[in-house]
Amino acid sequence: MDDYAPLEGLRKLGPWDVMSIPDAQRQLGAVARRIAESRDDIALTDGEDRIVALIINPEVLEDLKAELAFARNEIDRRDGKEPLDGEEVVARLRGTS
């Protein structure tokens, strides 16, 4: 995240880049732009430093959904179920099948 303007309150908590909900709320536009322009994510913490939410780029979410669908399809294949071809998996993800 070094290529971006600093976000007030952004810090490391274990493997996560985190910030408190109030810090994120005050800088919501900058936080949203950072996430939109990168594949980074930011975890939001409550007043007791517990991670309660994660802000991720929508493209990352779509990639994760696709990877999960392909993994499920592979499990189905191994379990003897008829696997879907890759195009069908993607179509189902997009809701066009």
C-alpha atoms as a PDB file:
ATOM      1  CA  MET A   1       0.000   0.000   0.000  1.00  0.00           C
ATOM      2  CA  ASP A   2       3.022   2.288  -0.095  1.00  0.00           C
ATOM      3  CA  ASP A   3       2.081   3.896  -3.443  1.00  0.00           C
ATOM      4  CA  TYR A   4      -1.004   5.602  -1.997  1.00  0.00           C
ATOM      5  CA  ALA A   5      -1.603   8.619   0.201  1.00  0.00           C
ATOM      6  CA  PRO A   6      -1.560   7.620   3.851  1.00  0.00           C
ATOM      7  CA  LEU A   7      -4.841   6.757   5.484  1.00  0.00           C
ATOM      8  CA  GLU A   8      -5.202   7.960   9.059  1.00  0.00           C
ATOM      9  CA  GLY A   9      -5.305   5.018  11.439  1.00  0.00           C
ATOM     10  CA  LEU A  10      -4.246   2.366   8.900  1.00  0.00           C
ATOM     11  CA  ARG A  11      -1.927  -0.133  10.577  1.00  0.00           C
ATOM     12  CA  LYS A  12      -0.948  -3.791  10.640  1.00  0.00           C
ATOM     13  CA  LEU A  13      -2.696  -6.284  12.910  1.00  0.00           C
ATOM     14  CA  GLY A  14      -1.107  -9.649  12.271  1.00  0.00           C
ATOM     15  CA  PRO A  15      -1.288 -10.238   8.514  1.00  0.00           C
ATOM     16  CA  TRP A  16      -4.052  -7.664   8.025  1.00  0.00           C
ATOM     17  CA  ASP A  17      -4.026  -3.989   7.107  1.00  0.00           C
ATOM     18  CA  VAL A  18      -6.633  -2.659   9.530  1.00  0.00           C
ATOM     19  CA  MET A  19      -8.317   0.517  10.620  1.00  0.00           C
ATOM     20  CA  SER A  20     -11.065   1.273  13.078  1.00  0.00           C
ATOM     21  CA  ILE A  21     -14.597   1.809  11.846  1.00  0.00           C
ATOM     22  CA  PRO A  22     -14.565   5.507  12.888  1.00  0.00           C
ATOM     23  CA  ASP A  23     -11.246   6.079  11.048  1.00  0.00           C
ATOM     24  CA  ALA A  24     -12.643   4.412   7.918  1.00  0.00           C
ATOM     25  CA  GLN A  25     -15.887   6.347   8.197  1.00  0.00           C
ATOM     26  CA  ARG A  26     -14.060   9.703   8.265  1.00  0.00           C
ATOM     27  CA  GLN A  27     -12.079   8.742   5.137  1.00  0.00           C
ATOM     28  CA  LEU A  28     -14.607   6.597   3.310  1.00  0.00           C
ATOM     29  CA  GLY A  29     -13.948   8.169  -0.092  1.00  0.00           C
ATOM     30  CA  ALA A  30     -10.178   7.662   0.158  1.00  0.00           C
ATOM     31  CA  VAL A  31     -10.618   4.118   1.484  1.00  0.00           C
ATOM     32  CA  ALA A  32     -12.999   3.232  -1.356  1.00  0.00           C
ATOM     33  CA  ARG A  33     -10.640   4.693  -3.987  1.00  0.00           C
ATOM     34  CA  ARG A  34      -7.691   2.766  -2.517  1.00  0.00           C
ATOM     35  CA  ILE A  35      -9.599  -0.511  -2.683  1.00  0.00           C
ATOM     36  CA  ALA A  36     -10.994   0.219  -6.164  1.00  0.00           C
ATOM     37  CA  GLU A  37      -7.541   0.983  -7.587  1.00  0.00           C
ATOM     38  CA  SER A  38      -5.740  -1.965  -6.010  1.00  0.00           C
ATOM     39  CA  ARG A  39      -6.191  -5.589  -5.139  1.00  0.00           C
ATOM     40  CA  ASP A  40      -5.540  -4.739  -1.495  1.00  0.00           C
ATOM     41  CA  ASP A  41      -8.057  -5.186   1.259  1.00  0.00           C
ATOM     42  CA  ILE A  42      -8.614  -3.383   4.549  1.00  0.00           C
ATOM     43  CA  ALA A  43     -10.097  -5.001   7.614  1.00  0.00           C
ATOM     44  CA  LEU A  44     -12.260  -2.881   9.905  1.00  0.00           C
ATOM     45  CA  THR A  45     -11.962  -3.234  13.661  1.00  0.00           C
ATOM     46  CA  ASP A  46     -14.346  -2.521  16.493  1.00  0.00           C
ATOM     47  CA  GLY A  47     -13.418  -0.692  19.702  1.00  0.00           C
ATOM     48  CA  GLU A  48     -11.749  -3.818  21.082  1.00  0.00           C
ATOM     49  CA  ASP A  49      -9.482  -4.394  18.068  1.00  0.00           C
ATOM     50  CA  ARG A  50     -11.540  -7.307  16.747  1.00  0.00           C
ATOM     51  CA  ILE A  51     -11.845  -7.546  12.984  1.00  0.00           C
ATOM     52  CA  VAL A  52     -15.544  -7.206  12.184  1.00  0.00           C
ATOM     53  CA  ALA A  53     -15.586  -6.561   8.426  1.00  0.00           C
ATOM     54  CA  LEU A  54     -13.389  -6.671   5.369  1.00  0.00           C
ATOM     55  CA  ILE A  55     -13.408  -4.233   2.464  1.00  0.00           C
ATOM     56  CA  ILE A  56     -12.217  -5.848  -0.768  1.00  0.00           C
ATOM     57  CA  ASN A  57     -12.075  -4.963  -4.427  1.00  0.00           C
ATOM     58  CA  PRO A  58     -15.135  -6.383  -6.264  1.00  0.00           C
ATOM     59  CA  GLU A  59     -12.857  -7.963  -8.879  1.00  0.00           C
ATOM     60  CA  VAL A  60     -11.100  -9.897  -6.110  1.00  0.00           C
ATOM     61  CA  LEU A  61     -14.475 -11.125  -4.854  1.00  0.00           C
ATOM     62  CA  GLU A  62     -15.422 -12.301  -8.352  1.00  0.00           C
ATOM     63  CA  ASP A  63     -12.076 -14.107  -8.673  1.00  0.00           C
ATOM     64  CA  LEU A  64     -12.649 -15.826  -5.328  1.00  0.00           C
ATOM     65  CA  LYS A  65     -16.156 -16.872  -6.354  1.00  0.00           C
ATOM     66  CA  ALA A  66     -14.801 -18.337  -9.595  1.00  0.00           C
ATOM     67  CA  GLU A  67     -12.024 -20.215  -7.806  1.00  0.00           C
ATOM     68  CA  LEU A  68     -14.523 -21.620  -5.321  1.00  0.00           C
ATOM     69  CA  ALA A  69     -16.891 -22.685  -8.092  1.00  0.00           C
ATOM     70  CA  PHE A  70     -14.108 -24.461  -9.963  1.00  0.00           C
ATOM     71  CA  ALA A  71     -12.965 -26.152  -6.736  1.00  0.00           C
ATOM     72  CA  ARG A  72     -16.525 -27.303  -6.003  1.00  0.00           C
ATOM     73  CA  ASN A  73     -16.804 -28.600  -9.547  1.00  0.00           C
ATOM     74  CA  GLU A  74     -13.571 -30.564  -9.115  1.00  0.00           C
ATOM     75  CA  ILE A  75     -14.843 -32.051  -5.844  1.00  0.00           C
ATOM     76  CA  ASP A  76     -18.079 -33.050  -7.575  1.00  0.00           C
ATOM     77  CA  ARG A  77     -16.050 -34.696 -10.356  1.00  0.00           C
ATOM     78  CA  ARG A  78     -13.992 -36.645  -7.812  1.00  0.00           C
ATOM     79  CA  ASP A  79     -17.206 -37.714  -6.054  1.00  0.00           C
ATOM     80  CA  GLY A  80     -18.474 -39.225  -9.291  1.00  0.00           C
ATOM     81  CA  LYS A  81     -20.910 -36.457 -10.158  1.00  0.00           C
ATOM     82  CA  GLU A  82     -21.071 -35.124 -13.682  1.00  0.00           C
ATOM     83  CA  PRO A  83     -18.716 -32.108 -13.786  1.00  0.00           C
ATOM     84  CA  LEU A  84     -19.642 -28.904 -15.564  1.00  0.00           C
ATOM     85  CA  ASP A  85     -17.387 -27.508 -18.236  1.00  0.00           C
ATOM     86  CA  GLY A  86     -15.581 -24.265 -17.436  1.00  0.00           C
ATOM     87  CA  GLU A  87     -17.946 -22.101 -19.459  1.00  0.00           C
ATOM     88  CA  GLU A  88     -20.967 -23.509 -17.610  1.00  0.00           C
ATOM     89  CA  VAL A  89     -19.320 -22.801 -14.239  1.00  0.00           C
ATOM     90  CA  VAL A  90     -18.665 -19.196 -15.263  1.00  0.00           C
ATOM     91  CA  ALA A  91     -22.202 -18.810 -16.640  1.00  0.00           C
ATOM     92  CA  ARG A  92     -23.667 -20.030 -13.354  1.00  0.00           C
ATOM     93  CA  LEU A  93     -21.463 -17.595 -11.455  1.00  0.00           C
ATOM     94  CA  ARG A  94     -22.756 -14.744 -13.577  1.00  0.00           C
ATOM     95  CA  GLY A  95     -26.345 -15.931 -13.250  1.00  0.00           C
ATOM     96  CA  THR A  96     -26.720 -16.396 -16.996  1.00  0.00           C
ATOM     97  CA  SER A  97     -27.341 -20.138 -16.850  1.00  0.00           C
END
